[in-house]
Amino acid sequence: MAAPKRKKSKAKTAMRKAQWMKKLSIPGYSICPECNQPKPPHKVCPHCGYYKEKEVISVEGF
């Protein structure tokens, strides 16, 4: 069975972990065209209830 010939340096370990952490970051937010509030992309705006310039849910009670 193969075994490593040399110990991995701290820099190589940190580079590997940095790539993994990049994938775990939160997704970017887009701006809602109706209320100009940040919202997750491809989701209904939680502030005004619009999606693709159509009212999908009513948010009057909040």
Protein backbone atom coordinates (compact mmCIF):
# COMPACT_ATOMS: atom_id res chain seq x y z
CA MET A 1 0.00 0.00 0.00
CA ALA A 2 1.26 3.50 -0.83
CA ALA A 3 2.51 5.76 1.93
CA PRO A 4 3.54 9.43 1.68
CA LYS A 5 7.29 9.97 1.36
CA ARG A 6 7.29 13.40 2.99
CA LYS A 7 5.13 15.28 5.50
CA LYS A 8 2.69 17.77 3.97
CA SER A 9 3.67 21.34 4.82
CA LYS A 10 1.33 23.66 6.71
CA ALA A 11 1.02 25.82 3.61
CA LYS A 12 -0.17 22.90 1.46
CA THR A 13 -2.66 21.85 4.14
CA ALA A 14 -3.95 25.43 4.44
CA MET A 15 -4.35 25.72 0.66
CA ARG A 16 -6.40 22.53 0.55
CA LYS A 17 -8.63 23.65 3.42
CA ALA A 18 -9.10 27.12 1.89
CA GLN A 19 -10.61 25.61 -1.26
CA TRP A 20 -13.04 23.59 0.83
CA MET A 21 -14.08 26.59 2.93
CA LYS A 22 -14.74 28.60 -0.25
CA LYS A 23 -17.50 26.13 -1.14
CA LEU A 24 -19.13 26.47 2.29
CA SER A 25 -19.58 30.24 2.11
CA ILE A 26 -23.10 31.65 1.92
CA PRO A 27 -24.50 32.40 -1.54
CA GLY A 28 -24.53 35.95 -2.80
CA TYR A 29 -27.62 38.07 -2.53
CA SER A 30 -29.37 39.92 -5.31
CA ILE A 31 -31.44 43.08 -5.11
CA CYS A 32 -35.22 42.84 -5.42
CA PRO A 33 -36.42 45.06 -8.31
CA GLU A 34 -39.65 45.92 -6.47
CA CYS A 35 -38.47 46.96 -2.99
CA ASN A 36 -34.66 47.21 -3.48
CA GLN A 37 -34.01 44.93 -0.50
CA PRO A 38 -31.43 42.11 -0.61
CA LYS A 39 -32.91 38.67 -1.28
CA PRO A 40 -31.56 35.19 -2.11
CA PRO A 41 -31.31 34.61 -5.87
CA HIS A 42 -34.15 32.65 -7.54
CA LYS A 43 -36.37 32.95 -4.45
CA VAL A 44 -39.46 34.96 -3.51
CA CYS A 45 -38.54 38.24 -1.84
CA PRO A 46 -39.34 37.92 1.89
CA HIS A 47 -39.95 41.70 2.17
CA CYS A 48 -42.50 42.29 -0.58
CA GLY A 49 -43.52 38.79 -1.79
CA TYR A 50 -42.62 39.36 -5.45
CA TYR A 51 -40.83 36.95 -7.78
CA LYS A 52 -40.02 37.83 -11.40
CA GLU A 53 -42.05 41.05 -11.12
CA LYS A 54 -45.23 39.20 -10.09
CA GLU A 55 -46.74 39.10 -6.61
CA VAL A 56 -46.55 35.48 -5.48
CA ILE A 57 -47.37 35.75 -1.78
CA SER A 58 -49.05 38.40 0.31
CA VAL A 59 -46.76 39.88 2.97
CA GLU A 60 -49.19 42.40 4.45
CA GLY A 61 -49.52 40.63 7.82
CA PHE A 62 -45.84 40.77 8.72
